[in-house]
Amino acid sequence: MEQDILAEIFAAEKEVQERLAAEQRSSEELLARVKRELAEQLAAAEEGLKEESGKVLADAREAAAQRAVALLAETVSRADRLDRISDEALQEVVAKRLTGILPEEQS
């Protein structure tokens, strides 16, 4: 009878160890699957951020190029206006400015 009880205890212990080992394997498989899923999500998020930053950079470059074109056009227009001012008109402006700067001559 003691042998039967010991056999049952050993069988129960073996069953518990087998279940424990099965749970351990199951837990390891679940952990590995979760790690893979998280790695995939991280890779997808990184790729999304790369695409987003590339788009932001391209938009910024385009905006800068447009500003440069606008500034160049404004500068060319201003230079054309200044170029059309006659020498006589410039001399008048300079003379008026000089009279305000230079002291008056005393006779």
Protein backbone atom coordinates (compact mmCIF):
# COMPACT_ATOMS: atom_id res chain seq x y z
CA MET A 1 0.00 0.00 0.00
CA GLU A 2 2.83 2.39 0.75
CA GLN A 3 4.28 1.57 -2.64
CA ASP A 4 0.98 2.51 -4.28
CA ILE A 5 0.84 5.81 -2.42
CA LEU A 6 4.48 6.57 -3.31
CA ALA A 7 3.80 5.66 -6.94
CA GLU A 8 0.79 8.00 -6.97
CA ILE A 9 2.85 10.79 -5.38
CA PHE A 10 5.65 10.31 -7.93
CA ALA A 11 3.10 10.23 -10.75
CA ALA A 12 1.46 13.39 -9.43
CA GLU A 13 4.85 15.07 -9.07
CA LYS A 14 5.80 14.02 -12.60
CA GLU A 15 2.51 15.38 -13.90
CA VAL A 16 3.06 18.68 -12.07
CA GLN A 17 6.59 18.93 -13.49
CA GLU A 18 5.31 18.18 -17.00
CA ARG A 19 2.58 20.81 -16.67
CA LEU A 20 5.11 23.26 -15.28
CA ALA A 21 7.47 22.56 -18.18
CA ALA A 22 4.58 22.96 -20.65
CA GLU A 23 3.62 26.28 -19.04
CA GLN A 24 7.26 27.38 -19.17
CA ARG A 25 7.43 26.57 -22.90
CA SER A 26 4.11 28.30 -23.50
CA SER A 27 5.28 31.38 -21.60
CA GLU A 28 8.55 31.47 -23.54
CA GLU A 29 6.69 31.16 -26.85
CA LEU A 30 4.29 33.94 -25.83
CA LEU A 31 7.20 36.14 -24.77
CA ALA A 32 9.02 35.50 -28.06
CA ARG A 33 5.84 36.30 -30.04
CA VAL A 34 5.26 39.52 -28.08
CA LYS A 35 8.90 40.54 -28.62
CA ARG A 36 8.55 39.93 -32.38
CA GLU A 37 5.31 41.92 -32.53
CA LEU A 38 6.85 44.80 -30.60
CA ALA A 39 9.92 44.77 -32.81
CA GLU A 40 7.69 44.88 -35.90
CA GLN A 41 5.66 47.75 -34.42
CA LEU A 42 8.85 49.62 -33.56
CA ALA A 43 10.22 49.11 -37.07
CA ALA A 44 6.94 50.34 -38.59
CA ALA A 45 6.95 53.39 -36.30
CA GLU A 46 10.57 54.17 -37.19
CA GLU A 47 9.79 53.87 -40.89
CA GLY A 48 6.79 56.16 -40.47
CA LEU A 49 8.93 58.73 -38.67
CA LYS A 50 11.59 58.55 -41.39
CA GLU A 51 8.96 59.15 -44.07
CA GLU A 52 7.42 61.98 -42.05
CA SER A 53 10.78 63.68 -41.44
CA GLY A 54 11.66 63.30 -45.11
CA LYS A 55 8.40 64.98 -46.10
CA VAL A 56 8.89 67.78 -43.57
CA LEU A 57 12.43 68.35 -44.86
CA ALA A 58 11.26 68.37 -48.48
CA ASP A 59 8.49 70.85 -47.61
CA ALA A 60 10.97 73.09 -45.80
CA ARG A 61 13.35 73.00 -48.77
CA GLU A 62 10.50 73.85 -51.14
CA ALA A 63 9.39 76.76 -48.93
CA ALA A 64 12.98 78.04 -48.74
CA ALA A 65 13.36 77.80 -52.51
CA GLN A 66 10.12 79.72 -53.02
CA ARG A 67 11.26 82.42 -50.57
CA ALA A 68 14.60 82.66 -52.38
CA VAL A 69 12.85 83.07 -55.74
CA ALA A 70 10.54 85.74 -54.30
CA LEU A 71 13.45 87.62 -52.70
CA LEU A 72 15.44 87.46 -55.92
CA ALA A 73 12.49 88.78 -57.92
CA GLU A 74 12.01 91.60 -55.42
CA THR A 75 15.71 92.45 -55.52
CA VAL A 76 15.78 92.47 -59.32
CA SER A 77 12.69 94.69 -59.40
CA ARG A 78 14.19 97.10 -56.90
CA ALA A 79 17.48 97.17 -58.84
CA ASP A 80 15.57 97.90 -62.07
CA ARG A 81 13.72 100.80 -60.41
CA LEU A 82 16.98 102.23 -59.07
CA ASP A 83 18.65 101.79 -62.44
CA ARG A 84 15.93 103.87 -64.13
CA ILE A 85 16.55 106.89 -61.90
CA SER A 86 18.33 109.52 -63.94
CA ASP A 87 21.66 110.97 -62.93
CA GLU A 88 20.04 114.40 -62.64
CA ALA A 89 17.44 113.09 -60.19
CA LEU A 90 20.16 111.41 -58.13
CA GLN A 91 22.20 114.63 -58.12
CA GLU A 92 19.15 116.54 -56.84
CA VAL A 93 18.64 114.03 -54.02
CA VAL A 94 22.31 114.14 -53.06
CA ALA A 95 22.35 117.95 -53.15
CA LYS A 96 19.28 118.16 -50.89
CA ARG A 97 20.79 115.69 -48.45
CA LEU A 98 24.12 117.48 -48.43
CA THR A 99 22.52 120.81 -47.63
CA GLY A 100 20.99 119.21 -44.56
CA ILE A 101 24.31 117.73 -43.51
CA LEU A 102 26.83 120.43 -44.42
CA PRO A 103 26.89 123.75 -42.54
CA GLU A 104 25.69 126.73 -44.49
CA GLU A 105 28.33 128.96 -46.01
CA GLN A 106 28.66 132.34 -44.41
CA SER A 107 29.26 135.26 -46.72
